[in-house]
Amino acid sequence: MSSSSEFLKPCQLPPLLQPGDLVIAIATSGAVKSTDALKQGINVWRDRGYRVEMGKNYQSWCGYLAGSDRQRRADLAAAWHNPECKAIIAIRGGYGGARLLEDWTWDVTNHKWVIGFSDLTSLLWSLATVGVSGLHASVLTTLAAEPEWAIARMFNYLETGQLEALQGRSGVGGKASGILLPGNLTVATHLLNTTMQPNLTGAILALEDVTEYPYRIDRMLTQWRMMGTLKLIKGIALGRFSRCEPYPGTNSWTLTEVLRDRLEDLKIPLIYDLPFGHDGVNAALPVGQPVCLDGDTGVLSWSNFARISNTDHPNPT
């Protein structure tokens, strides 16, 4: 686990992409369920002018995994060490990325993009521990369903380094600047106190989740509180927590009530309803880059880029 004695530092950005570059798509976690969605995602990249190659294991099955740990780790290593490859794109999430990290060391002489979300939080956060930035963004099987503005926003960042701000809803006021760590709450929780947890001191957390009952969200956030981890961070930006309703017929707090109870008393800037996560628009968020969080206006921004307006990019949440 990274030391908390110093503030989290910005991660190094991989080289910008340009059409014609080779990107390799691999299944780091769950097995492929929808070949149609996969083909559509590949076409988005190819229509942009990129060459897309598939890892060897993408059609493999090993229980709920896309092949054995050895197969998936070999695909990750082959793409990471391929000097022609400029970006690694996750085919889908699911579960299994953390299993690859038990016997894995990032070669920091290779800097390329790792792109994905959900279970890919494990790879993105572990990459941040060695000071390399990745991109929390759509996997191939969800990319084609994104609105045009979100797709354009992702490619604009990968190709120019420029990123527009995102509009959410104010939760707790105040302003904070720090290094952004976006990810899935469940996956991030299971990285705490491991060697794959980035330094969280001074970080801005951006969290989302899917299919978790409110009591489970409560349980995870309570763990963060009891570990003292939430005392280290400077602000929280929450995305979409989809399909996180209480089990029918139970006497339960709502998700909103849980989030308010577990987070608002921290007295740090807090934003709700940013447009990222499952089951809807998933705006790209760079890992390990400086951001400004304005809890008064609900805006998450990159200091040298202009704020967007709701009329330009409507927040669908």
Protein backbone atom coordinates (compact mmCIF):
# COMPACT_ATOMS: atom_id res chain seq x y z
CA MET A 1 0.00 0.00 0.00
CA SER A 2 1.27 3.45 -0.88
CA SER A 3 2.43 5.59 2.00
CA SER A 4 -0.03 8.18 3.26
CA SER A 5 2.76 10.38 4.62
CA GLU A 6 2.87 12.43 1.42
CA PHE A 7 0.17 13.81 -0.83
CA LEU A 8 -0.75 11.90 -3.95
CA LYS A 9 1.22 13.22 -6.91
CA PRO A 10 0.02 13.60 -10.51
CA CYS A 11 0.55 10.54 -12.69
CA GLN A 12 2.49 10.62 -15.94
CA LEU A 13 0.28 10.73 -19.02
CA PRO A 14 0.97 8.21 -21.79
CA PRO A 15 1.68 9.64 -25.26
CA LEU A 16 -1.32 11.11 -27.02
CA LEU A 17 -3.04 8.91 -29.57
CA GLN A 18 -3.52 9.65 -33.23
CA PRO A 19 -5.56 7.87 -35.91
CA GLY A 20 -3.56 5.05 -37.41
CA ASP A 21 -2.22 3.94 -34.04
CA LEU A 22 -2.58 0.31 -33.00
CA VAL A 23 -4.85 -0.40 -30.04
CA ILE A 24 -5.30 -3.87 -28.58
CA ALA A 25 -8.56 -5.06 -27.05
CA ILE A 26 -8.31 -7.66 -24.28
CA ALA A 27 -10.69 -9.35 -21.86
CA THR A 28 -9.07 -8.85 -18.48
CA SER A 29 -12.09 -9.89 -16.44
CA GLY A 30 -15.39 -11.48 -17.43
CA ALA A 31 -16.09 -13.51 -20.54
CA VAL A 32 -17.68 -11.84 -23.56
CA LYS A 33 -21.48 -11.94 -23.49
CA SER A 34 -22.50 -9.82 -26.47
CA THR A 35 -20.57 -10.18 -29.70
CA ASP A 36 -22.81 -7.57 -31.36
CA ALA A 37 -21.94 -4.93 -28.75
CA LEU A 38 -18.26 -5.88 -29.11
CA LYS A 39 -18.31 -5.46 -32.89
CA GLN A 40 -20.06 -2.11 -32.55
CA GLY A 41 -17.43 -0.89 -30.08
CA ILE A 42 -14.61 -2.00 -32.37
CA ASN A 43 -16.23 -0.12 -35.23
CA VAL A 44 -16.29 3.10 -33.19
CA TRP A 45 -12.51 2.93 -32.88
CA ARG A 46 -11.97 1.85 -36.49
CA ASP A 47 -14.26 4.58 -37.80
CA ARG A 48 -12.03 7.01 -35.94
CA GLY A 49 -9.08 5.66 -37.94
CA TYR A 50 -7.46 3.31 -35.42
CA ARG A 51 -6.19 -0.18 -36.03
CA VAL A 52 -7.80 -2.59 -33.56
CA GLU A 53 -6.41 -6.02 -32.77
CA MET A 54 -7.93 -8.56 -30.41
CA GLY A 55 -6.07 -10.40 -27.66
CA LYS A 56 -5.80 -14.14 -27.95
CA ASN A 57 -8.11 -14.98 -25.06
CA TYR A 58 -11.11 -12.78 -25.81
CA GLN A 59 -13.31 -15.74 -26.81
CA SER A 60 -12.16 -17.96 -23.92
CA TRP A 61 -14.27 -19.07 -20.96
CA CYS A 62 -13.12 -20.28 -17.57
CA GLY A 63 -16.17 -20.20 -15.32
CA TYR A 64 -17.13 -16.52 -15.13
CA LEU A 65 -13.68 -15.46 -16.37
CA ALA A 66 -12.47 -14.84 -19.92
CA GLY A 67 -9.92 -17.61 -19.67
CA SER A 68 -7.55 -18.65 -16.91
CA ASP A 69 -5.50 -16.13 -14.96
CA ARG A 70 -2.46 -17.30 -16.93
CA GLN A 71 -4.19 -16.67 -20.26
CA ARG A 72 -5.53 -13.24 -19.31
CA ARG A 73 -2.25 -12.16 -17.72
CA ALA A 74 -0.38 -13.28 -20.84
CA ASP A 75 -2.67 -11.17 -23.01
CA LEU A 76 -2.17 -8.15 -20.77
CA ALA A 77 1.61 -8.63 -20.83
CA ALA A 78 1.71 -9.09 -24.61
CA ALA A 79 -0.21 -5.88 -25.20
CA TRP A 80 1.70 -3.90 -22.55
CA HIS A 81 5.09 -4.91 -23.93
CA ASN A 82 4.15 -4.54 -27.61
CA PRO A 83 6.05 -1.40 -28.72
CA GLU A 84 3.58 -0.78 -31.56
CA CYS A 85 0.54 -0.85 -29.28
CA LYS A 86 -0.44 2.62 -28.02
CA ALA A 87 -3.52 1.74 -25.97
CA ILE A 88 -5.08 -1.27 -24.25
CA ILE A 89 -8.87 -1.27 -24.29
CA ALA A 90 -10.90 -3.52 -22.02
CA ILE A 91 -13.53 -5.52 -23.85
CA ARG A 92 -15.80 -5.63 -20.81
CA GLY A 93 -15.76 -5.59 -17.01
CA GLY A 94 -17.32 -8.29 -14.86
CA TYR A 95 -14.84 -9.68 -12.37
CA GLY A 96 -11.28 -10.94 -12.41
CA GLY A 97 -8.92 -8.03 -12.97
CA ALA A 98 -7.56 -8.11 -9.43
CA ARG A 99 -6.60 -11.77 -9.89
CA LEU A 100 -4.09 -10.68 -12.52
CA LEU A 101 -2.33 -8.40 -10.06
CA GLU A 102 -1.24 -11.13 -7.63
CA ASP A 103 1.82 -11.83 -9.75
CA TRP A 104 2.20 -8.69 -11.79
CA THR A 105 4.66 -5.81 -12.02
CA TRP A 106 4.12 -2.84 -14.31
CA ASP A 107 7.15 -2.10 -16.49
CA VAL A 108 7.17 1.69 -16.22
CA THR A 109 9.48 2.03 -19.21
CA ASN A 110 6.31 1.30 -21.21
CA HIS A 111 3.71 4.04 -21.03
CA LYS A 112 0.47 3.45 -22.88
CA TRP A 113 -3.18 3.99 -22.21
CA VAL A 114 -5.25 1.48 -20.28
CA ILE A 115 -8.93 2.24 -20.89
CA GLY A 116 -11.96 0.83 -19.09
CA PHE A 117 -14.14 1.09 -16.01
CA SER A 118 -15.99 -1.04 -13.44
CA ASP A 119 -13.74 -4.06 -12.76
CA LEU A 120 -10.94 -2.25 -14.60
CA THR A 121 -10.66 -0.06 -11.50
CA SER A 122 -8.22 -2.69 -10.21
CA LEU A 123 -5.84 -2.22 -13.14
CA LEU A 124 -6.27 1.55 -13.33
CA TRP A 125 -5.59 2.07 -9.63
CA SER A 126 -2.65 -0.35 -9.59
CA LEU A 127 -1.16 1.51 -12.57
CA ALA A 128 -1.50 4.72 -10.57
CA THR A 129 0.65 3.22 -7.80
CA VAL A 130 3.61 3.32 -10.22
CA GLY A 131 2.76 6.86 -11.37
CA VAL A 132 1.14 6.17 -14.74
CA SER A 133 -2.26 7.57 -15.71
CA GLY A 134 -5.05 5.54 -17.29
CA LEU A 135 -8.52 6.47 -18.48
CA HIS A 136 -11.73 5.56 -16.66
CA ALA A 137 -14.05 5.29 -19.66
CA SER A 138 -16.32 2.96 -21.60
CA VAL A 139 -15.24 -0.58 -22.38
CA LEU A 140 -15.72 -1.84 -25.93
CA THR A 141 -19.04 -3.53 -25.25
CA THR A 142 -20.60 -0.32 -23.88
CA LEU A 143 -18.93 2.27 -26.12
CA ALA A 144 -21.37 2.28 -29.05
CA ALA A 145 -24.28 2.99 -26.70
CA GLU A 146 -22.66 6.24 -25.53
CA PRO A 147 -24.03 9.56 -26.78
CA GLU A 148 -21.97 11.24 -29.47
CA TRP A 149 -20.73 13.97 -27.13
CA ALA A 150 -19.30 11.44 -24.67
CA ILE A 151 -17.51 9.51 -27.43
CA ALA A 152 -16.12 12.75 -28.88
CA ARG A 153 -15.06 13.86 -25.40
CA MET A 154 -13.11 10.63 -24.83
CA PHE A 155 -11.27 10.80 -28.14
CA ASN A 156 -10.60 14.51 -27.74
CA TYR A 157 -8.84 13.81 -24.45
CA LEU A 158 -6.85 10.86 -25.81
CA GLU A 159 -5.77 12.82 -28.89
CA THR A 160 -5.31 16.37 -27.57
CA GLY A 161 -5.11 16.09 -23.77
CA GLN A 162 -8.00 18.54 -23.40
CA LEU A 163 -11.03 17.71 -21.32
CA GLU A 164 -14.18 19.67 -20.62
CA ALA A 165 -15.68 19.98 -17.17
CA LEU A 166 -18.64 17.94 -15.96
CA GLN A 167 -21.77 19.24 -14.30
CA GLY A 168 -23.30 17.42 -11.34
CA ARG A 169 -25.43 18.43 -8.37
CA SER A 170 -24.15 20.15 -5.25
CA GLY A 171 -24.10 18.02 -2.11
CA VAL A 172 -21.72 19.71 0.32
CA GLY A 173 -20.35 23.13 -0.54
CA GLY A 174 -16.78 24.29 -0.70
CA LYS A 175 -13.95 23.93 -3.20
CA ALA A 176 -11.10 21.45 -3.31
CA SER A 177 -8.20 20.72 -5.63
CA GLY A 178 -6.48 17.37 -5.76
CA ILE A 179 -5.58 14.34 -7.82
CA LEU A 180 -8.55 12.46 -9.27
CA LEU A 181 -9.01 8.76 -8.55
CA PRO A 182 -12.14 7.52 -10.35
CA GLY A 183 -13.42 4.00 -9.93
CA ASN A 184 -16.04 1.51 -8.91
CA LEU A 185 -16.75 1.61 -5.18
CA THR A 186 -16.90 -2.18 -4.72
CA VAL A 187 -13.67 -2.84 -6.58
CA ALA A 188 -11.87 0.06 -4.91
CA THR A 189 -13.00 -1.14 -1.47
CA HIS A 190 -11.35 -4.50 -2.09
CA LEU A 191 -8.07 -2.79 -2.98
CA LEU A 192 -7.84 -0.96 0.35
CA ASN A 193 -4.77 -1.82 2.40
CA THR A 194 -3.24 -3.84 -0.45
CA THR A 195 -0.14 -3.04 -2.49
CA MET A 196 -2.44 -2.05 -5.35
CA GLN A 197 -4.08 0.81 -3.43
CA PRO A 198 -2.79 4.22 -4.57
CA ASN A 199 -1.88 6.84 -2.02
CA LEU A 200 -5.20 8.48 -1.15
CA THR A 201 -3.86 11.44 0.79
CA GLY A 202 -5.12 14.61 -0.84
CA ALA A 203 -7.08 12.75 -3.50
CA ILE A 204 -10.45 13.58 -5.03
CA LEU A 205 -12.48 10.38 -5.21
CA ALA A 206 -14.92 9.81 -8.09
CA LEU A 207 -17.05 6.75 -7.36
CA GLU A 208 -19.86 4.81 -9.02
CA ASP A 209 -21.45 1.39 -8.59
CA VAL A 210 -24.11 -0.99 -9.88
CA THR A 211 -26.42 -3.70 -8.47
CA GLU A 212 -25.54 -3.14 -4.81
CA TYR A 213 -28.27 -2.88 -2.17
CA PRO A 214 -28.12 0.26 0.00
CA TYR A 215 -26.96 -1.72 3.04
CA ARG A 216 -23.99 -2.99 1.03
CA ILE A 217 -23.05 0.55 0.01
CA ASP A 218 -23.38 1.46 3.71
CA ARG A 219 -21.13 -1.44 4.67
CA MET A 220 -18.42 -0.44 2.22
CA LEU A 221 -18.44 3.24 3.11
CA THR A 222 -18.40 2.34 6.79
CA GLN A 223 -15.25 0.31 6.15
CA TRP A 224 -13.64 3.36 4.50
CA ARG A 225 -14.64 5.44 7.53
CA MET A 226 -13.35 2.93 10.10
CA MET A 227 -10.03 2.65 8.29
CA GLY A 228 -9.67 6.44 8.46
CA THR A 229 -9.34 6.56 4.69
CA LEU A 230 -12.02 9.19 4.13
CA LYS A 231 -10.13 11.54 6.48
CA LEU A 232 -7.28 11.58 3.95
CA ILE A 233 -9.19 12.78 0.91
CA LYS A 234 -10.12 16.34 -0.08
CA GLY A 235 -13.40 15.82 -1.91
CA ILE A 236 -15.83 13.30 -3.39
CA ALA A 237 -17.52 13.26 -6.79
CA LEU A 238 -20.28 10.67 -7.14
CA GLY A 239 -21.50 9.29 -10.43
CA ARG A 240 -24.35 6.93 -11.12
CA PHE A 241 -25.27 4.20 -8.62
CA SER A 242 -27.55 2.22 -10.89
CA ARG A 243 -29.87 -0.60 -9.85
CA CYS A 244 -28.99 0.05 -6.20
CA GLU A 245 -32.57 0.13 -4.92
CA PRO A 246 -33.54 -1.69 -1.70
CA TYR A 247 -34.68 -5.28 -1.95
CA PRO A 248 -38.47 -5.21 -2.47
CA GLY A 249 -40.47 -5.43 0.74
CA THR A 250 -37.57 -4.66 3.07
CA ASN A 251 -37.41 -1.86 5.63
CA SER A 252 -34.42 -0.09 4.14
CA TRP A 253 -32.88 3.29 3.77
CA THR A 254 -32.73 4.49 0.20
CA LEU A 255 -29.40 4.80 -1.57
CA THR A 256 -29.62 8.60 -1.28
CA GLU A 257 -30.16 8.35 2.47
CA VAL A 258 -27.14 6.07 2.84
CA LEU A 259 -24.87 8.35 0.81
CA ARG A 260 -25.94 11.39 2.80
CA ASP A 261 -25.50 9.62 6.12
CA ARG A 262 -22.07 8.20 5.36
CA LEU A 263 -20.53 11.11 3.44
CA GLU A 264 -22.05 14.51 4.18
CA ASP A 265 -20.77 14.69 7.76
CA LEU A 266 -17.19 14.52 6.46
CA LYS A 267 -17.49 18.27 5.77
CA ILE A 268 -15.55 18.10 2.52
CA PRO A 269 -16.85 19.20 -0.89
CA LEU A 270 -19.24 16.62 -2.32
CA ILE A 271 -20.96 16.39 -5.71
CA TYR A 272 -23.76 14.03 -6.71
CA ASP A 273 -25.05 12.84 -10.08
CA LEU A 274 -22.06 13.33 -12.34
CA PRO A 275 -22.59 11.63 -15.73
CA PHE A 276 -20.42 8.55 -15.36
CA GLY A 277 -20.95 4.93 -14.39
CA HIS A 278 -23.08 1.99 -15.51
CA ASP A 279 -26.41 2.03 -17.34
CA GLY A 280 -26.09 5.44 -18.92
CA VAL A 281 -23.60 7.94 -20.22
CA ASN A 282 -20.10 7.22 -18.95
CA ALA A 283 -18.03 10.37 -19.42
CA ALA A 284 -14.28 9.75 -19.49
CA LEU A 285 -12.28 10.56 -16.35
CA PRO A 286 -8.46 10.47 -16.30
CA VAL A 287 -6.81 8.68 -13.41
CA GLY A 288 -4.20 10.50 -11.39
CA GLN A 289 -4.66 13.97 -12.90
CA PRO A 290 -5.26 17.30 -11.10
CA VAL A 291 -8.87 18.45 -10.86
CA CYS A 292 -10.94 21.13 -9.15
CA LEU A 293 -14.14 20.14 -7.38
CA ASP A 294 -16.67 22.89 -6.69
CA GLY A 295 -19.25 21.67 -4.22
CA ASP A 296 -21.17 24.94 -4.49
CA THR A 297 -21.88 24.68 -8.21
CA GLY A 298 -21.59 20.90 -8.66
CA VAL A 299 -18.79 21.18 -11.22
CA LEU A 300 -15.77 18.89 -11.60
CA SER A 301 -13.21 20.60 -13.80
CA TRP A 302 -9.67 20.54 -15.05
CA SER A 303 -8.21 23.92 -14.22
CA ASN A 304 -7.02 24.83 -17.74
CA PHE A 305 -10.24 23.85 -19.53
CA ALA A 306 -13.55 25.63 -19.89
CA ARG A 307 -16.70 24.59 -18.11
CA ILE A 308 -19.39 23.04 -20.27
CA SER A 309 -23.00 24.11 -20.10
CA ASN A 310 -26.00 21.88 -19.61
CA THR A 311 -27.30 22.99 -23.01
CA ASP A 312 -24.12 21.77 -24.69
CA HIS A 313 -23.99 18.39 -22.98
CA PRO A 314 -27.18 17.60 -21.07
CA ASN A 315 -26.61 15.61 -17.91
CA PRO A 316 -28.82 12.54 -18.45
CA THR A 317 -28.85 11.61 -14.77
